[in-house]
Every structure is written in C-alpha cells, then in structure tokens.
Amino acid sequence: MAMFHPAAALRNPTWQSAFEQDMAALPGLIERARRANEAAARGEGLPPGAPHPGDADYNV
C-alpha cells in the first residue's frame, strides 16, 4: 500500500486528508500482517482465492 510520508502533509495541506486516511488504515494492516505471520509460523498459508495486499480486490 502506497502511503504519503508525514512531511508531505506538512508541506502540502491539500494532502492532509489522504495522510489521515493512510494513518487510519495502519492498525488494520498491522493486525492482518500479525495474523498472517502467526499462520505462517504454524505452517499455514492464505486460503486459495484470498485477496492479498496489492490485489485490486484487497480490503483491509
């Protein structure tokens, strides 16, 4: 997921809303990564057809 660097919002106030949306998405992304890492440690993978970050149909 592409995100704005925090300094971008400071230098360009029109990007403030996009920056806030990016930051709001982080907890969900971190939790999904944590669950995926735990599953991988158990030898489990994503089920077939599960969307992956970067896929067009991926939602947090």
C-alpha atoms as a PDB file:
ATOM      1  CA  MET A   1       0.000   0.000   0.000  1.00  0.00           C
ATOM      2  CA  ALA A   2       1.490   3.311  -1.034  1.00  0.00           C
ATOM      3  CA  MET A   3       1.336   5.985   1.645  1.00  0.00           C
ATOM      4  CA  PHE A   4       2.272   9.618   1.987  1.00  0.00           C
ATOM      5  CA  HIS A   5       5.312  10.426   4.086  1.00  0.00           C
ATOM      6  CA  PRO A   6       4.241  12.573   7.090  1.00  0.00           C
ATOM      7  CA  ALA A   7       6.296  15.523   5.824  1.00  0.00           C
ATOM      8  CA  ALA A   8       4.254  15.558   2.609  1.00  0.00           C
ATOM      9  CA  ALA A   9       1.137  16.524   4.548  1.00  0.00           C
ATOM     10  CA  LEU A  10       3.032  19.283   6.325  1.00  0.00           C
ATOM     11  CA  ARG A  11       4.327  20.737   3.071  1.00  0.00           C
ATOM     12  CA  ASN A  12       1.106  20.329   1.102  1.00  0.00           C
ATOM     13  CA  PRO A  13      -2.036  20.840   3.221  1.00  0.00           C
ATOM     14  CA  THR A  14      -4.253  19.516   0.417  1.00  0.00           C
ATOM     15  CA  TRP A  15      -2.779  16.051   1.141  1.00  0.00           C
ATOM     16  CA  GLN A  16      -3.753  16.182   4.832  1.00  0.00           C
ATOM     17  CA  SER A  17      -6.956  14.190   4.301  1.00  0.00           C
ATOM     18  CA  ALA A  18      -5.182  11.457   2.323  1.00  0.00           C
ATOM     19  CA  PHE A  19      -2.482  11.285   5.001  1.00  0.00           C
ATOM     20  CA  GLU A  20      -5.102  10.891   7.741  1.00  0.00           C
ATOM     21  CA  GLN A  21      -6.787   8.099   5.765  1.00  0.00           C
ATOM     22  CA  ASP A  22      -3.422   6.369   5.346  1.00  0.00           C
ATOM     23  CA  MET A  23      -2.761   6.545   9.090  1.00  0.00           C
ATOM     24  CA  ALA A  24      -6.272   5.279   9.895  1.00  0.00           C
ATOM     25  CA  ALA A  25      -5.634   2.200   7.740  1.00  0.00           C
ATOM     26  CA  LEU A  26      -2.422   1.224   9.551  1.00  0.00           C
ATOM     27  CA  PRO A  27      -3.909  -0.626  12.565  1.00  0.00           C
ATOM     28  CA  GLY A  28      -5.884  -2.958  10.294  1.00  0.00           C
ATOM     29  CA  LEU A  29      -2.874  -3.606   8.079  1.00  0.00           C
ATOM     30  CA  ILE A  30      -0.639  -4.308  11.061  1.00  0.00           C
ATOM     31  CA  GLU A  31      -3.195  -6.714  12.561  1.00  0.00           C
ATOM     32  CA  ARG A  32      -3.584  -8.551   9.243  1.00  0.00           C
ATOM     33  CA  ALA A  33       0.201  -8.872   8.965  1.00  0.00           C
ATOM     34  CA  ARG A  34       0.429 -10.156  12.538  1.00  0.00           C
ATOM     35  CA  ARG A  35      -2.210 -12.819  11.862  1.00  0.00           C
ATOM     36  CA  ALA A  36      -0.527 -13.794   8.591  1.00  0.00           C
ATOM     37  CA  ASN A  37       2.850 -14.126  10.328  1.00  0.00           C
ATOM     38  CA  GLU A  38       1.341 -16.288  13.062  1.00  0.00           C
ATOM     39  CA  ALA A  39      -0.342 -18.502  10.454  1.00  0.00           C
ATOM     40  CA  ALA A  40       2.922 -18.798   8.509  1.00  0.00           C
ATOM     41  CA  ALA A  41       4.754 -19.796  11.705  1.00  0.00           C
ATOM     42  CA  ARG A  42       2.218 -22.615  12.116  1.00  0.00           C
ATOM     43  CA  GLY A  43       2.842 -23.671   8.509  1.00  0.00           C
ATOM     44  CA  GLU A  44      -0.492 -22.339   7.294  1.00  0.00           C
ATOM     45  CA  GLY A  45      -0.942 -20.171   4.234  1.00  0.00           C
ATOM     46  CA  LEU A  46      -3.684 -17.950   2.925  1.00  0.00           C
ATOM     47  CA  PRO A  47      -6.664 -19.919   1.657  1.00  0.00           C
ATOM     48  CA  PRO A  48      -6.981 -20.160  -2.131  1.00  0.00           C
ATOM     49  CA  GLY A  49      -8.601 -17.062  -3.578  1.00  0.00           C
ATOM     50  CA  ALA A  50      -7.938 -14.899  -0.525  1.00  0.00           C
ATOM     51  CA  PRO A  51      -7.099 -11.359  -1.610  1.00  0.00           C
ATOM     52  CA  HIS A  52      -3.543 -10.253  -0.951  1.00  0.00           C
ATOM     53  CA  PRO A  53      -2.244  -6.706  -0.401  1.00  0.00           C
ATOM     54  CA  GLY A  54      -1.651  -5.261  -3.836  1.00  0.00           C
ATOM     55  CA  ASP A  55      -4.609  -7.103  -5.370  1.00  0.00           C
ATOM     56  CA  ALA A  56      -7.329  -4.882  -6.794  1.00  0.00           C
ATOM     57  CA  ASP A  57      -9.988  -6.548  -4.594  1.00  0.00           C
ATOM     58  CA  TYR A  58      -7.965  -6.331  -1.364  1.00  0.00           C
ATOM     59  CA  ASN A  59      -9.729  -4.549   1.511  1.00  0.00           C
ATOM     60  CA  VAL A  60      -8.312  -4.053   4.977  1.00  0.00           C
END
